[in-house]
PDB file of N, CA and C in Angstrom:
ATOM      1  N   MET A   1      -1.876   5.482  -4.277  1.00  0.00           N
ATOM      2  CA  MET A   1      -0.868   5.553  -5.517  1.00  0.00           C
ATOM      3  C   MET A   1      -2.072   4.942  -6.653  1.00  0.00           C
ATOM      4  N   VAL A   2      -0.627   4.908  -7.362  1.00  0.00           N
ATOM      5  CA  VAL A   2      -1.586   4.989  -8.591  1.00  0.00           C
ATOM      6  C   VAL A   2      -0.635   3.540  -9.580  1.00  0.00           C
ATOM      7  N   GLN A   3      -1.303   2.769 -10.328  1.00  0.00           N
ATOM      8  CA  GLN A   3      -0.107   1.905 -11.170  1.00  0.00           C
ATOM      9  C   GLN A   3       0.891   2.377 -12.466  1.00  0.00           C
ATOM     10  N   ARG A   4       1.727   2.208 -12.172  1.00  0.00           N
ATOM     11  CA  ARG A   4       2.359   2.726 -13.505  1.00  0.00           C
ATOM     12  C   ARG A   4       3.592   1.497 -13.958  1.00  0.00           C
ATOM     13  N   THR A   5       4.111   1.623 -15.247  1.00  0.00           N
ATOM     14  CA  THR A   5       4.817   0.800 -16.231  1.00  0.00           C
ATOM     15  C   THR A   5       6.216   1.128 -16.394  1.00  0.00           C
ATOM     16  N   ALA A   6       7.415   0.411 -14.999  1.00  0.00           N
ATOM     17  CA  ALA A   6       8.365   0.742 -15.334  1.00  0.00           C
ATOM     18  C   ALA A   6       8.925   1.385 -16.716  1.00  0.00           C
ATOM     19  N   SER A   7       9.595   2.076 -17.344  1.00  0.00           N
ATOM     20  CA  SER A   7      10.795   2.818 -18.088  1.00  0.00           C
ATOM     21  C   SER A   7      12.307   2.370 -18.815  1.00  0.00           C
ATOM     22  N   LYS A   8      12.390   1.605 -17.427  1.00  0.00           N
ATOM     23  CA  LYS A   8      13.798   1.526 -17.581  1.00  0.00           C
ATOM     24  C   LYS A   8      14.441   0.341 -16.558  1.00  0.00           C
ATOM     25  N   GLY A   9      15.007   0.483 -16.952  1.00  0.00           N
ATOM     26  CA  GLY A   9      16.029  -1.304 -15.839  1.00  0.00           C
ATOM     27  C   GLY A   9      15.445  -2.462 -16.431  1.00  0.00           C
ATOM     28  N   ALA A  10      16.157  -2.978 -15.362  1.00  0.00           N
ATOM     29  CA  ALA A  10      15.845  -4.582 -15.039  1.00  0.00           C
ATOM     30  C   ALA A  10      14.260  -4.924 -15.332  1.00  0.00           C
ATOM     31  N   ARG A  11      13.565  -4.444 -14.698  1.00  0.00           N
ATOM     32  CA  ARG A  11      12.464  -3.986 -14.593  1.00  0.00           C
ATOM     33  C   ARG A  11      11.058  -3.765 -15.798  1.00  0.00           C
ATOM     34  N   SER A  12      12.334  -2.848 -16.926  1.00  0.00           N
ATOM     35  CA  SER A  12      11.500  -1.737 -17.264  1.00  0.00           C
ATOM     36  C   SER A  12       9.710  -2.384 -18.324  1.00  0.00           C
ATOM     37  N   GLY A  13       8.575  -2.267 -18.999  1.00  0.00           N
ATOM     38  CA  GLY A  13       7.750  -3.084 -19.376  1.00  0.00           C
ATOM     39  C   GLY A  13       6.931  -3.856 -17.054  1.00  0.00           C
ATOM     40  N   GLN A  14       7.064  -3.906 -16.747  1.00  0.00           N
ATOM     41  CA  GLN A  14       6.483  -4.422 -15.262  1.00  0.00           C
ATOM     42  C   GLN A  14       5.774  -2.886 -14.690  1.00  0.00           C
ATOM     43  N   ARG A  15       4.367  -3.791 -14.855  1.00  0.00           N
ATOM     44  CA  ARG A  15       3.430  -2.845 -13.535  1.00  0.00           C
ATOM     45  C   ARG A  15       4.110  -2.867 -12.409  1.00  0.00           C
ATOM     46  N   PHE A  16       3.651  -1.711 -11.541  1.00  0.00           N
ATOM     47  CA  PHE A  16       4.262  -2.079 -10.288  1.00  0.00           C
ATOM     48  C   PHE A  16       3.082  -1.019  -9.848  1.00  0.00           C
ATOM     49  N   TRP A  17       2.768  -0.353  -8.245  1.00  0.00           N
ATOM     50  CA  TRP A  17       2.457   0.908  -7.790  1.00  0.00           C
ATOM     51  C   TRP A  17       3.555   1.085  -7.444  1.00  0.00           C
ATOM     52  N   GLY A  18       2.679   3.331  -7.693  1.00  0.00           N
ATOM     53  CA  GLY A  18       3.651   3.977  -7.416  1.00  0.00           C
ATOM     54  C   GLY A  18       3.254   5.013  -6.573  1.00  0.00           C
ATOM     55  N   CYS A  19       3.981   5.836  -5.889  1.00  0.00           N
ATOM     56  CA  CYS A  19       3.463   7.449  -5.561  1.00  0.00           C
ATOM     57  C   CYS A  19       2.730   8.095  -6.366  1.00  0.00           C
ATOM     58  N   ARG A  20       1.547   8.526  -6.010  1.00  0.00           N
ATOM     59  CA  ARG A  20       1.399   9.986  -6.955  1.00  0.00           C
ATOM     60  C   ARG A  20       2.578  11.193  -7.973  1.00  0.00           C
ATOM     61  N   ARG A  21       3.489  11.362  -6.563  1.00  0.00           N
ATOM     62  CA  ARG A  21       4.546  12.431  -7.111  1.00  0.00           C
ATOM     63  C   ARG A  21       5.930  11.266  -6.831  1.00  0.00           C
ATOM     64  N   PHE A  22       5.861  10.220  -7.557  1.00  0.00           N
ATOM     65  CA  PHE A  22       7.289   8.878  -7.871  1.00  0.00           C
ATOM     66  C   PHE A  22       8.163   9.253  -8.902  1.00  0.00           C
ATOM     67  N   PRO A  23       9.125   9.704  -9.214  1.00  0.00           N
ATOM     68  CA  PRO A  23       9.223   9.410  -8.064  1.00  0.00           C
ATOM     69  C   PRO A  23      10.476  10.327  -7.005  1.00  0.00           C
ATOM     70  N   ASP A  24       9.735  11.507  -6.313  1.00  0.00           N
ATOM     71  CA  ASP A  24      10.162  12.328  -5.657  1.00  0.00           C
ATOM     72  C   ASP A  24       9.685  11.343  -4.433  1.00  0.00           C
ATOM     73  N   CYS A  25       8.424  11.063  -4.667  1.00  0.00           N
ATOM     74  CA  CYS A  25       7.454  10.065  -3.234  1.00  0.00           C
ATOM     75  C   CYS A  25       8.327   8.938  -3.864  1.00  0.00           C
ATOM     76  N   GLY A  26       9.335   7.519  -2.825  1.00  0.00           N
ATOM     77  CA  GLY A  26       9.846   6.682  -3.104  1.00  0.00           C
ATOM     78  C   GLY A  26       8.676   5.732  -2.940  1.00  0.00           C
ATOM     79  N   GLY A  27       7.434   5.561  -2.665  1.00  0.00           N
ATOM     80  CA  GLY A  27       6.778   4.885  -2.124  1.00  0.00           C
ATOM     81  C   GLY A  27       6.136   4.235  -3.096  1.00  0.00           C
ATOM     82  N   THR A  28       6.955   2.746  -3.436  1.00  0.00           N
ATOM     83  CA  THR A  28       6.778   1.509  -4.735  1.00  0.00           C
ATOM     84  C   THR A  28       6.633   0.466  -4.238  1.00  0.00           C
ATOM     85  N   ARG A  29       5.130  -0.805  -4.115  1.00  0.00           N
ATOM     86  CA  ARG A  29       5.192  -2.465  -4.145  1.00  0.00           C
ATOM     87  C   ARG A  29       5.023  -2.657  -5.489  1.00  0.00           C
ATOM     88  N   GLU A  30       5.056  -3.779  -5.524  1.00  0.00           N
ATOM     89  CA  GLU A  30       5.231  -4.625  -6.780  1.00  0.00           C
ATOM     90  C   GLU A  30       3.939  -4.989  -6.891  1.00  0.00           C
ATOM     91  N   MET A  31       3.793  -5.217  -8.295  1.00  0.00           N
ATOM     92  CA  MET A  31       2.408  -5.401  -8.195  1.00  0.00           C
ATOM     93  C   MET A  31       1.905  -6.864  -8.424  1.00  0.00           C
ATOM     94  N   VAL A  32       0.953  -7.557  -7.706  1.00  0.00           N
ATOM     95  CA  VAL A  32       1.308  -9.163  -7.753  1.00  0.00           C
ATOM     96  C   VAL A  32      -0.244  -9.522  -7.956  1.00  0.00           C
ATOM     97  N   SER A  33      -0.153 -10.585  -9.056  1.00  0.00           N
ATOM     98  CA  SER A  33      -1.281 -11.051 -10.020  1.00  0.00           C
ATOM     99  C   SER A  33      -2.139 -12.042  -8.412  1.00  0.00           C
ATOM    100  N   THR A  34      -3.496 -12.333  -8.420  1.00  0.00           N
ATOM    101  CA  THR A  34      -4.324 -12.654  -7.865  1.00  0.00           C
ATOM    102  C   THR A  34      -4.343 -14.269  -9.132  1.00  0.00           C
TER     103      THR A  34
END
């Protein structure tokens, strides 16, 4: 997975983990601060 930034929708501007082929691959994970 790679770090991405949402560009559309309610989460625009937020970072998330998405698979390399996103959006063809639907795997995503929320990025959580530690």
